[in-house]
Amino acid sequence: MLTKAKDKQTSYEFVMLEELVKEDHLLRKIDKYIDFSFIYDEVEELYCHDNGRPSVDPVVLFKMT
């Protein structure tokens, strides 16, 4: 049976990502001391510069794994 939501969302909540991660979190410490920009040089030859869809930032992909 198909049902439709009767109530619409009428409020917004603004949240800053900085507020979601504690100041003493391990990942903040890692990010402070390690510069991940070297990853761009490592993967540059694996990406085509003039063809294809835009990629996800390789540093973001690395940090997610």
N, C-alpha and C. Protein backbone atom coordinates (compact mmCIF):
# COMPACT_ATOMS: atom_id res chain seq x y z
N MET A 1 0.83 -1.16 0.00
CA MET A 1 0.00 0.00 0.00
C MET A 1 0.89 1.24 0.00
N LEU A 2 0.56 2.20 -0.83
CA LEU A 2 1.32 3.43 -0.95
C LEU A 2 0.82 4.46 0.05
N THR A 3 1.73 4.94 0.87
CA THR A 3 1.36 6.00 1.80
C THR A 3 2.24 7.21 1.54
N LYS A 4 1.71 8.37 1.76
CA LYS A 4 2.46 9.60 1.56
C LYS A 4 2.63 10.31 2.90
N ALA A 5 3.79 10.91 3.07
CA ALA A 5 4.04 11.66 4.29
C ALA A 5 3.17 12.90 4.30
N LYS A 6 2.48 13.11 5.38
CA LYS A 6 1.58 14.25 5.48
C LYS A 6 2.29 15.49 6.02
N ASP A 7 3.25 15.26 6.89
CA ASP A 7 3.95 16.38 7.49
C ASP A 7 5.23 16.68 6.70
N LYS A 8 5.44 17.93 6.43
CA LYS A 8 6.66 18.36 5.77
C LYS A 8 7.63 18.87 6.82
N GLN A 9 8.89 18.77 6.52
CA GLN A 9 9.89 19.31 7.44
C GLN A 9 9.84 20.83 7.37
N THR A 10 9.65 21.46 8.49
CA THR A 10 9.51 22.91 8.50
C THR A 10 10.61 23.61 9.29
N SER A 11 11.58 22.87 9.78
CA SER A 11 12.66 23.50 10.53
C SER A 11 14.01 23.04 9.99
N TYR A 12 15.00 23.85 10.25
CA TYR A 12 16.36 23.56 9.82
C TYR A 12 17.27 23.55 11.03
N GLU A 13 18.31 22.77 10.93
CA GLU A 13 19.32 22.78 11.98
C GLU A 13 20.68 22.93 11.32
N PHE A 14 21.38 23.96 11.70
CA PHE A 14 22.70 24.20 11.13
C PHE A 14 23.75 23.64 12.08
N VAL A 15 24.62 22.79 11.53
CA VAL A 15 25.65 22.14 12.33
C VAL A 15 26.98 22.32 11.62
N MET A 16 27.98 22.71 12.37
CA MET A 16 29.33 22.82 11.82
C MET A 16 30.06 21.51 12.08
N LEU A 17 30.75 21.00 11.06
CA LEU A 17 31.47 19.75 11.23
C LEU A 17 32.52 19.86 12.33
N GLU A 18 33.12 21.03 12.48
CA GLU A 18 34.12 21.23 13.53
C GLU A 18 33.53 20.98 14.91
N GLU A 19 32.25 21.23 15.09
CA GLU A 19 31.61 21.03 16.39
C GLU A 19 31.30 19.55 16.65
N LEU A 20 31.26 18.74 15.61
CA LEU A 20 30.91 17.34 15.77
C LEU A 20 32.09 16.48 16.23
N VAL A 21 33.31 16.95 15.96
CA VAL A 21 34.50 16.18 16.32
C VAL A 21 35.15 16.83 17.53
N LYS A 22 35.37 16.06 18.57
CA LYS A 22 35.96 16.58 19.80
C LYS A 22 37.37 17.13 19.53
N GLU A 23 37.75 18.11 20.33
CA GLU A 23 39.06 18.75 20.18
C GLU A 23 40.22 17.77 20.36
N ASP A 24 40.06 16.78 21.24
CA ASP A 24 41.15 15.85 21.52
C ASP A 24 41.03 14.53 20.75
N HIS A 25 40.24 14.53 19.71
CA HIS A 25 40.04 13.30 18.92
C HIS A 25 41.33 12.93 18.19
N LEU A 26 41.60 11.65 18.09
CA LEU A 26 42.83 11.15 17.46
C LEU A 26 42.98 11.66 16.03
N LEU A 27 41.91 11.72 15.27
CA LEU A 27 42.03 12.15 13.88
C LEU A 27 42.43 13.61 13.76
N ARG A 28 42.07 14.43 14.72
CA ARG A 28 42.53 15.83 14.71
C ARG A 28 44.04 15.88 14.93
N LYS A 29 44.55 15.02 15.79
CA LYS A 29 45.99 14.99 16.04
C LYS A 29 46.75 14.51 14.81
N ILE A 30 46.22 13.50 14.16
CA ILE A 30 46.86 12.99 12.94
C ILE A 30 46.88 14.07 11.87
N ASP A 31 45.77 14.74 11.68
CA ASP A 31 45.67 15.78 10.66
C ASP A 31 46.62 16.95 10.95
N LYS A 32 46.87 17.20 12.22
CA LYS A 32 47.75 18.30 12.61
C LYS A 32 49.21 18.02 12.25
N TYR A 33 49.64 16.77 12.35
CA TYR A 33 51.05 16.44 12.18
C TYR A 33 51.42 15.80 10.85
N ILE A 34 50.43 15.33 10.10
CA ILE A 34 50.74 14.68 8.82
C ILE A 34 50.16 15.50 7.68
N ASP A 35 51.00 15.85 6.74
CA ASP A 35 50.57 16.57 5.55
C ASP A 35 50.30 15.54 4.45
N PHE A 36 49.03 15.37 4.11
CA PHE A 36 48.64 14.35 3.15
C PHE A 36 48.73 14.83 1.70
N SER A 37 49.26 16.00 1.46
CA SER A 37 49.32 16.52 0.08
C SER A 37 50.24 15.69 -0.81
N PHE A 38 51.14 14.88 -0.24
CA PHE A 38 52.01 14.03 -1.04
C PHE A 38 51.22 13.03 -1.88
N ILE A 39 50.00 12.76 -1.49
CA ILE A 39 49.18 11.78 -2.21
C ILE A 39 48.89 12.25 -3.63
N TYR A 40 48.72 13.56 -3.83
CA TYR A 40 48.46 14.08 -5.17
C TYR A 40 49.58 13.72 -6.14
N ASP A 41 50.82 13.85 -5.70
CA ASP A 41 51.95 13.50 -6.55
C ASP A 41 51.99 11.99 -6.85
N GLU A 42 51.62 11.20 -5.86
CA GLU A 42 51.65 9.75 -6.02
C GLU A 42 50.63 9.22 -7.03
N VAL A 43 49.47 9.87 -7.12
CA VAL A 43 48.39 9.35 -7.96
C VAL A 43 48.16 10.15 -9.23
N GLU A 44 48.92 11.20 -9.44
CA GLU A 44 48.69 12.08 -10.59
C GLU A 44 48.69 11.33 -11.92
N GLU A 45 49.58 10.40 -12.11
CA GLU A 45 49.67 9.68 -13.37
C GLU A 45 48.50 8.70 -13.58
N LEU A 46 47.74 8.44 -12.56
CA LEU A 46 46.60 7.52 -12.66
C LEU A 46 45.32 8.20 -13.13
N TYR A 47 45.32 9.53 -13.20
CA TYR A 47 44.14 10.28 -13.59
C TYR A 47 44.35 10.93 -14.95
N CYS A 48 43.30 10.94 -15.76
CA CYS A 48 43.33 11.60 -17.06
C CYS A 48 42.97 13.07 -16.85
N HIS A 49 43.75 13.97 -17.45
CA HIS A 49 43.54 15.40 -17.22
C HIS A 49 42.52 16.03 -18.16
N ASP A 50 42.20 15.34 -19.27
CA ASP A 50 41.31 15.99 -20.25
C ASP A 50 40.12 15.12 -20.67
N ASN A 51 39.85 14.05 -19.95
CA ASN A 51 38.77 13.16 -20.34
C ASN A 51 38.18 12.51 -19.08
N GLY A 52 36.88 12.28 -19.13
CA GLY A 52 36.25 11.58 -18.02
C GLY A 52 35.55 12.51 -17.06
N ARG A 53 34.94 11.90 -16.06
CA ARG A 53 34.21 12.67 -15.04
C ARG A 53 35.17 13.20 -13.98
N PRO A 54 34.75 14.25 -13.29
CA PRO A 54 35.58 14.74 -12.19
C PRO A 54 35.73 13.66 -11.11
N SER A 55 36.90 13.60 -10.54
CA SER A 55 37.17 12.57 -9.55
C SER A 55 36.86 13.06 -8.14
N VAL A 56 36.79 12.10 -7.25
CA VAL A 56 36.74 12.42 -5.82
C VAL A 56 38.18 12.73 -5.41
N ASP A 57 38.34 13.69 -4.55
CA ASP A 57 39.67 14.08 -4.10
C ASP A 57 40.41 12.85 -3.55
N PRO A 58 41.60 12.53 -4.11
CA PRO A 58 42.33 11.33 -3.67
C PRO A 58 42.69 11.36 -2.18
N VAL A 59 42.93 12.53 -1.61
CA VAL A 59 43.24 12.62 -0.19
C VAL A 59 42.00 12.21 0.64
N VAL A 60 40.84 12.61 0.19
CA VAL A 60 39.60 12.23 0.88
C VAL A 60 39.43 10.72 0.81
N LEU A 61 39.67 10.15 -0.37
CA LEU A 61 39.56 8.69 -0.50
C LEU A 61 40.54 7.97 0.42
N PHE A 62 41.75 8.48 0.49
CA PHE A 62 42.77 7.86 1.35
C PHE A 62 42.35 7.93 2.81
N LYS A 63 41.84 9.07 3.23
CA LYS A 63 41.46 9.23 4.63
C LYS A 63 40.24 8.37 4.99
N MET A 64 39.41 8.05 4.01
CA MET A 64 38.24 7.22 4.29
C MET A 64 38.60 5.76 4.50
N THR A 65 39.73 5.32 3.98
CA THR A 65 40.09 3.90 4.09
C THR A 65 40.84 3.58 5.33
